[in-house]
């Protein structure tokens, strides 16, 4: 029993995020701390920990003294966009709108095209979430070609949720047209993977499958398979995440097991585990996320371990929430059964 409690404590979401934050803060390289903090903020937002996420945004802002201010501003804008999305998901629309407007204001001041495009990707998605669809599309269409399909796909998913299916399909078609002229294989795989998810959400499952296969074929053509070749393994990660999100988590798992780069494999396992939780397969999700956690124990680079732990944290929160709901449901069922039992015993014993 004591051993069981110890294990439970080790893999609790709170212990994981505390470890991720602690590792990130100890890193003497401010650039690496920036990347780790950005992922931690995203994980906290996803988990609904809004105030804690905002505290991390403030920490990120302080890196401006040591790093390129535009790079820091881009991460702040992206973080605020993620917070805005989380607020919108819980119906806190006014606060969500304020957050995304702040993110947009920051983004407009960024001159570097790559940094601005990544920040705009988050902003356009958040604007769609708060109902500013036309504004979101305008911003998405100003993003560089490499990022634009992902932005349009994100907007498409929101359009599907609000039952604007035709408009969602138009956005994914536009995204697909752009994706196929991207010269970089890795960016094209990311774009196609995101598009496949949007197509699946809009009910176009056959098209989604074809697009995923197209992305997988391109990934197989990225030849360098060395352990640390991030271009191949992260392209494969994009495909794995798309498969997990479109109802094929077990196929995604088979592919993920072949990823030899630890960071990409942890991210892949986390995405698969998340999809399984949403599908009600909590026990399998726990098994996979524990495997991901074991991989992090062998990571020697602090910021990579911190980022990996933040991904695991977000999934553990989902698992804990799912278990909590299951416990509540069982308790409710028990309360319903109790009067029946009392009635039965009354009849039996008079």
Protein backbone atom coordinates (compact mmCIF):
# COMPACT_ATOMS: atom_id res chain seq x y z
CA UNK A 1 0.00 0.00 0.00
CA UNK A 2 2.81 2.43 0.92
CA UNK A 3 4.60 1.55 -2.32
CA UNK A 4 1.41 2.23 -4.28
CA UNK A 5 1.03 5.68 -2.68
CA UNK A 6 4.69 6.44 -3.43
CA UNK A 7 4.23 5.59 -7.10
CA UNK A 8 1.08 7.70 -7.28
CA UNK A 9 2.95 10.66 -5.80
CA UNK A 10 5.83 10.35 -8.26
CA UNK A 11 3.60 10.51 -11.32
CA UNK A 12 1.14 13.14 -10.10
CA UNK A 13 0.75 16.05 -12.49
CA UNK A 14 1.73 18.62 -9.86
CA UNK A 15 5.03 16.90 -9.07
CA UNK A 16 5.84 16.77 -12.81
CA UNK A 17 5.17 20.45 -13.53
CA UNK A 18 7.09 21.49 -10.43
CA UNK A 19 10.05 19.47 -11.67
CA UNK A 20 9.78 20.97 -15.17
CA UNK A 21 9.74 24.52 -13.76
CA UNK A 22 12.62 23.81 -11.39
CA UNK A 23 14.82 22.38 -14.16
CA UNK A 24 14.04 25.29 -16.51
CA UNK A 25 14.86 27.93 -13.91
CA UNK A 26 18.25 26.39 -13.16
CA UNK A 27 19.43 26.57 -16.78
CA UNK A 28 22.08 29.27 -17.16
CA UNK A 29 21.39 29.65 -20.90
CA UNK A 30 18.59 32.22 -21.22
CA UNK A 31 17.75 31.14 -24.76
CA UNK A 32 17.10 27.57 -23.65
CA UNK A 33 15.18 28.80 -20.60
CA UNK A 34 13.00 30.80 -22.99
CA UNK A 35 12.09 27.73 -25.03
CA UNK A 36 11.43 25.61 -21.93
CA UNK A 37 9.34 28.33 -20.28
CA UNK A 38 7.27 28.74 -23.45
CA UNK A 39 6.36 25.04 -23.43
CA UNK A 40 5.62 25.11 -19.69
CA UNK A 41 3.28 28.04 -20.23
CA UNK A 42 1.50 26.19 -23.04
CA UNK A 43 1.05 23.12 -20.83
CA UNK A 44 -0.31 25.17 -17.93
CA UNK A 45 -2.76 26.93 -20.27
CA UNK A 46 -3.94 23.61 -21.66
CA UNK A 47 -4.52 22.38 -18.10
CA UNK A 48 -6.59 25.46 -17.28
CA UNK A 49 -4.00 26.86 -14.85
CA UNK A 50 -4.45 30.40 -16.15
CA UNK A 51 -2.89 32.40 -13.32
CA UNK A 52 0.17 30.15 -13.20
CA UNK A 53 0.51 30.43 -16.98
CA UNK A 54 0.39 34.23 -16.72
CA UNK A 55 3.12 34.13 -14.08
CA UNK A 56 5.31 32.24 -16.57
CA UNK A 57 4.53 34.85 -19.27
CA UNK A 58 5.87 37.50 -16.89
CA UNK A 59 9.03 35.43 -16.42
CA UNK A 60 9.41 35.12 -20.20
CA UNK A 61 9.11 38.91 -20.58
CA UNK A 62 12.08 39.40 -18.26
CA UNK A 63 14.38 37.61 -20.73
CA UNK A 64 14.31 40.70 -23.00
CA UNK A 65 17.39 42.08 -21.21
CA UNK A 66 19.49 39.07 -22.24
CA UNK A 67 18.02 37.99 -25.59
CA UNK A 68 16.71 39.38 -28.87
CA UNK A 69 13.63 41.35 -27.69
CA UNK A 70 11.62 40.35 -30.77
CA UNK A 71 12.17 36.65 -30.08
CA UNK A 72 10.99 37.14 -26.50
CA UNK A 73 8.00 39.20 -27.62
CA UNK A 74 7.06 36.48 -30.11
CA UNK A 75 7.03 33.86 -27.35
CA UNK A 76 4.98 36.16 -25.10
CA UNK A 77 2.42 36.75 -27.88
CA UNK A 78 2.16 33.03 -28.60
CA UNK A 79 1.77 32.28 -24.88
CA UNK A 80 -0.98 34.88 -24.46
CA UNK A 81 -2.77 33.40 -27.48
CA UNK A 82 -2.72 29.95 -25.86
CA UNK A 83 -4.09 31.43 -22.64
CA UNK A 84 -6.80 33.18 -24.66
CA UNK A 85 -7.80 29.86 -26.26
CA UNK A 86 -7.98 28.18 -22.85
CA UNK A 87 -10.19 30.97 -21.51
CA UNK A 88 -12.47 30.78 -24.54
CA UNK A 89 -12.85 27.01 -24.07
CA UNK A 90 -14.24 27.64 -20.58
CA UNK A 91 -16.57 30.42 -21.73
CA UNK A 92 -14.55 33.34 -20.29
CA UNK A 93 -14.91 35.26 -23.55
CA UNK A 94 -14.30 38.82 -22.37
CA UNK A 95 -11.03 37.93 -20.68
CA UNK A 96 -10.08 35.75 -23.67
CA UNK A 97 -10.64 38.71 -26.00
CA UNK A 98 -8.46 40.98 -23.88
CA UNK A 99 -5.64 38.40 -23.93
CA UNK A 100 -5.69 37.93 -27.69
CA UNK A 101 -5.85 41.68 -28.32
CA UNK A 102 -2.76 42.09 -26.14
CA UNK A 103 -1.06 39.30 -28.10
CA UNK A 104 -2.02 40.97 -31.39
CA UNK A 105 -0.66 44.30 -30.22
CA UNK A 106 2.70 42.69 -29.42
CA UNK A 107 2.79 40.79 -32.72
CA UNK A 108 2.26 43.93 -34.83
CA UNK A 109 5.50 45.39 -33.45
CA UNK A 110 7.64 42.41 -34.52
CA UNK A 111 9.67 43.00 -37.71
CA UNK A 112 11.29 39.57 -38.07
CA UNK A 113 9.09 37.62 -40.50
CA UNK A 114 9.72 34.17 -38.99
CA UNK A 115 9.10 35.30 -35.41
CA UNK A 116 6.02 37.30 -36.42
CA UNK A 117 4.59 34.37 -38.41
CA UNK A 118 4.89 31.96 -35.48
CA UNK A 119 3.29 34.48 -33.13
CA UNK A 120 0.55 35.22 -35.69
CA UNK A 121 -0.19 31.50 -35.92
CA UNK A 122 -1.26 31.58 -32.26
CA UNK A 123 -3.07 34.91 -32.58
CA UNK A 124 -5.17 33.88 -35.59
CA UNK A 125 -6.28 30.68 -33.84
CA UNK A 126 -7.20 32.57 -30.68
CA UNK A 127 -9.14 35.20 -32.62
CA UNK A 128 -11.18 32.43 -34.23
CA UNK A 129 -11.91 30.97 -30.78
CA UNK A 130 -13.36 34.27 -29.56
CA UNK A 131 -15.57 34.58 -32.65
CA UNK A 132 -13.44 36.99 -34.69
CA UNK A 133 -13.35 34.68 -37.73
CA UNK A 134 -12.83 37.27 -40.48
CA UNK A 135 -10.08 38.99 -38.52
CA UNK A 136 -8.47 35.60 -37.86
CA UNK A 137 -8.52 34.75 -41.59
CA UNK A 138 -7.03 38.15 -42.51
CA UNK A 139 -4.11 37.59 -40.13
CA UNK A 140 -3.62 33.98 -41.28
CA UNK A 141 -3.36 35.13 -44.90
CA UNK A 142 -0.54 37.51 -43.98
CA UNK A 143 1.55 34.71 -42.45
CA UNK A 144 4.46 33.25 -44.44
CA UNK A 145 3.61 30.23 -46.63
CA UNK A 146 5.38 27.78 -44.30
CA UNK A 147 3.05 28.60 -41.37
CA UNK A 148 -0.13 29.69 -43.19
CA UNK A 149 -1.67 26.23 -43.77
CA UNK A 150 -1.39 25.44 -40.05
CA UNK A 151 -3.10 28.73 -39.18
CA UNK A 152 -5.92 28.09 -41.67
CA UNK A 153 -6.32 24.53 -40.38
CA UNK A 154 -6.64 25.79 -36.81
CA UNK A 155 -9.32 28.27 -37.89
CA UNK A 156 -11.07 25.52 -39.85
CA UNK A 157 -11.39 23.40 -36.71
CA UNK A 158 -13.05 26.29 -34.88
CA UNK A 159 -15.41 26.83 -37.83
CA UNK A 160 -16.39 23.15 -37.65
CA UNK A 161 -17.13 23.48 -33.92
CA UNK A 162 -19.51 26.37 -34.57
CA UNK A 163 -21.11 24.39 -37.43
CA UNK A 164 -19.85 26.60 -40.26
CA UNK A 165 -18.87 23.46 -42.17
CA UNK A 166 -18.72 24.95 -45.68
CA UNK A 167 -16.48 27.77 -44.52
CA UNK A 168 -14.31 25.22 -42.70
CA UNK A 169 -13.91 23.21 -45.90
CA UNK A 170 -12.98 26.33 -47.85
CA UNK A 171 -10.26 27.13 -45.29
CA UNK A 172 -8.78 23.62 -45.50
CA UNK A 173 -8.85 23.70 -49.32
CA UNK A 174 -6.97 27.01 -49.27
CA UNK A 175 -4.51 25.52 -46.77
CA UNK A 176 -3.97 22.43 -48.94
CA UNK A 177 -3.30 24.50 -52.07
CA UNK A 178 -0.60 26.43 -50.21
CA UNK A 179 0.88 23.35 -48.49
CA UNK A 180 1.65 21.67 -51.80
CA UNK A 181 3.85 24.53 -52.99
CA UNK A 182 5.98 24.67 -49.80
CA UNK A 183 9.54 23.82 -50.80
CA UNK A 184 10.71 22.56 -47.39
CA UNK A 185 9.80 18.90 -46.80
CA UNK A 186 9.59 19.32 -43.02
CA UNK A 187 7.29 22.36 -43.23
CA UNK A 188 5.15 20.62 -45.86
CA UNK A 189 4.74 17.57 -43.61
CA UNK A 190 3.68 19.79 -40.70
CA UNK A 191 1.19 21.64 -42.91
CA UNK A 192 -0.32 18.44 -44.35
CA UNK A 193 -0.55 16.86 -40.90
CA UNK A 194 -2.45 19.86 -39.52
CA UNK A 195 -4.71 19.93 -42.58
CA UNK A 196 -5.57 16.24 -42.16
CA UNK A 197 -6.80 16.91 -38.62
CA UNK A 198 -8.96 19.81 -39.82
CA UNK A 199 -10.40 17.63 -42.61
CA UNK A 200 -11.23 14.84 -40.16
CA UNK A 201 -12.94 17.28 -37.77
CA UNK A 202 -15.04 18.54 -40.69
CA UNK A 203 -16.17 14.98 -41.44
CA UNK A 204 -13.98 14.47 -44.51
CA UNK A 205 -12.30 11.32 -43.20
CA UNK A 206 -11.28 9.82 -46.54
CA UNK A 207 -9.60 13.04 -47.60
CA UNK A 208 -7.92 13.26 -44.20
CA UNK A 209 -6.48 9.74 -44.58
CA UNK A 210 -5.09 10.53 -48.04
CA UNK A 211 -3.44 13.70 -46.78
CA UNK A 212 -1.86 11.84 -43.82
CA UNK A 213 -0.48 9.20 -46.22
CA UNK A 214 0.92 11.98 -48.39
CA UNK A 215 2.64 13.48 -45.35
CA UNK A 216 4.00 10.07 -44.33
CA UNK A 217 5.42 9.46 -47.82
CA UNK A 218 7.26 12.79 -47.69
CA UNK A 219 8.59 11.96 -44.22
CA UNK A 220 9.98 8.65 -45.45
CA UNK A 221 11.86 10.62 -48.10
CA UNK A 222 13.77 12.60 -45.49
CA UNK A 223 16.69 10.16 -45.57
CA UNK A 224 18.90 10.91 -42.56
CA UNK A 225 17.72 8.57 -39.80
CA UNK A 226 20.50 9.21 -37.27
CA UNK A 227 19.42 9.41 -33.63
CA UNK A 228 19.77 13.20 -33.51
CA UNK A 229 18.38 14.12 -36.92
CA UNK A 230 15.53 16.32 -35.80
CA UNK A 231 14.19 17.05 -39.31
CA UNK A 232 13.21 13.42 -39.89
CA UNK A 233 12.03 12.56 -36.38
CA UNK A 234 10.00 15.74 -35.85
CA UNK A 235 8.37 15.32 -39.27
CA UNK A 236 7.41 11.81 -38.18
CA UNK A 237 6.13 13.28 -34.90
CA UNK A 238 3.78 15.56 -36.88
CA UNK A 239 2.34 12.54 -38.67
CA UNK A 240 1.98 10.59 -35.41
CA UNK A 241 0.08 13.49 -33.83
CA UNK A 242 -2.22 13.68 -36.86
CA UNK A 243 -2.95 9.95 -36.72
CA UNK A 244 -3.67 10.12 -32.99
CA UNK A 245 -6.03 13.06 -33.51
CA UNK A 246 -7.93 11.43 -36.37
CA UNK A 247 -8.87 8.17 -34.67
CA UNK A 248 -5.80 6.00 -35.29
CA UNK A 249 -3.89 6.14 -31.98
CA UNK A 250 -2.66 2.54 -32.14
CA UNK A 251 -1.18 2.99 -35.60
CA UNK A 252 0.35 6.20 -34.30
CA UNK A 253 1.84 4.24 -31.40
CA UNK A 254 3.41 1.66 -33.72
CA UNK A 255 5.12 4.46 -35.64
CA UNK A 256 6.10 6.36 -32.48
CA UNK A 257 7.92 3.34 -31.10
CA UNK A 258 10.28 3.56 -34.06
CA UNK A 259 11.34 7.14 -33.25
CA UNK A 260 14.87 6.95 -31.84
CA UNK A 261 15.18 10.63 -30.88
CA UNK A 262 14.02 10.74 -27.24
CA UNK A 263 12.53 14.23 -27.27
CA UNK A 264 10.35 13.50 -30.32
CA UNK A 265 9.34 10.09 -28.92
CA UNK A 266 8.17 11.61 -25.61
CA UNK A 267 6.12 14.21 -27.49
CA UNK A 268 4.63 11.46 -29.66
CA UNK A 269 3.69 9.27 -26.69
CA UNK A 270 2.15 12.31 -24.97
CA UNK A 271 -0.05 13.11 -27.99
CA UNK A 272 -1.16 9.48 -28.31
CA UNK A 273 -1.93 9.27 -24.59
CA UNK A 274 -3.98 12.47 -24.81
CA UNK A 275 -6.01 11.07 -27.70
CA UNK A 276 -6.66 7.85 -25.77
CA UNK A 277 -7.89 9.77 -22.70
CA UNK A 278 -10.34 11.69 -24.88
CA UNK A 279 -11.48 8.36 -26.32
CA UNK A 280 -12.14 7.01 -22.80
CA UNK A 281 -9.16 4.60 -22.81
CA UNK A 282 -7.57 5.94 -19.64
CA UNK A 283 -5.69 2.81 -18.58
CA UNK A 284 -3.88 2.51 -21.92
CA UNK A 285 -3.16 6.24 -21.79
CA UNK A 286 -1.57 5.83 -18.34
CA UNK A 287 0.60 2.97 -19.58
CA UNK A 288 1.94 5.05 -22.49
CA UNK A 289 2.53 8.23 -20.47
CA UNK A 290 4.44 6.24 -17.85
CA UNK A 291 6.68 4.97 -20.65
CA UNK A 292 7.20 8.58 -21.74
CA UNK A 293 8.09 9.53 -18.17
CA UNK A 294 10.66 6.74 -18.00
CA UNK A 295 12.34 8.10 -21.14
CA UNK A 296 12.81 11.52 -19.50
CA UNK A 297 14.88 9.95 -16.73
CA UNK A 298 17.66 9.32 -19.22
CA UNK A 299 17.66 12.85 -20.66
CA UNK A 300 20.86 14.71 -19.83
CA UNK A 301 20.01 18.09 -21.41
CA UNK A 302 18.01 20.18 -18.92
CA UNK A 303 15.83 22.23 -21.25
CA UNK A 304 14.86 19.17 -23.31
CA UNK A 305 13.88 17.31 -20.13
CA UNK A 306 11.91 20.31 -18.91
CA UNK A 307 9.99 20.55 -22.20
CA UNK A 308 9.30 16.81 -22.20
CA UNK A 309 8.00 16.93 -18.62
CA UNK A 310 5.68 19.81 -19.49
CA UNK A 311 4.11 17.70 -22.27
CA UNK A 312 3.65 14.81 -19.83
CA UNK A 313 2.12 17.15 -17.23
CA UNK A 314 -0.65 18.26 -19.59
CA UNK A 315 -1.63 14.65 -20.27
CA UNK A 316 -1.46 13.64 -16.60
CA UNK A 317 -3.89 16.46 -15.80
CA UNK A 318 -6.32 15.03 -18.36
CA UNK A 319 -5.94 11.55 -16.87
CA UNK A 320 -6.53 12.86 -13.34
CA UNK A 321 -9.60 14.76 -14.49
CA UNK A 322 -10.94 11.68 -16.27
CA UNK A 323 -10.41 9.55 -13.16
CA UNK A 324 -12.10 12.18 -11.02
CA UNK A 325 -15.15 12.21 -13.32
CA UNK A 326 -15.26 8.40 -13.24
CA UNK A 327 -15.21 8.46 -9.42
CA UNK A 328 -18.04 11.01 -9.37
CA UNK A 329 -20.08 8.90 -11.80
CA UNK A 330 -19.56 5.79 -9.66
CA UNK A 331 -20.59 7.71 -6.55
CA UNK A 332 -23.75 8.92 -8.28
CA UNK A 333 -24.57 5.37 -9.38
CA UNK A 334 -23.99 4.15 -5.83
CA UNK A 335 -26.44 6.75 -4.48
CA UNK A 336 -29.04 5.59 -7.00
CA UNK A 337 -28.55 1.96 -6.02
CA UNK A 338 -28.76 2.57 -2.25
CA UNK A 339 -32.53 3.26 -2.07
CA UNK A 340 -33.16 0.13 -4.18
CA UNK A 341 -31.13 -1.98 -1.74
CA UNK A 342 -32.97 -0.53 1.25
CA UNK A 343 -36.28 -1.31 -0.45
CA UNK A 344 -35.16 -4.87 -1.15
CA UNK A 345 -34.09 -5.50 2.47
CA UNK A 346 -37.31 -3.99 3.75
CA UNK A 347 -39.29 -6.43 1.66
CA UNK A 348 -37.05 -9.31 2.68
CA UNK A 349 -37.13 -8.69 6.42
CA UNK A 350 -40.38 -6.79 6.73
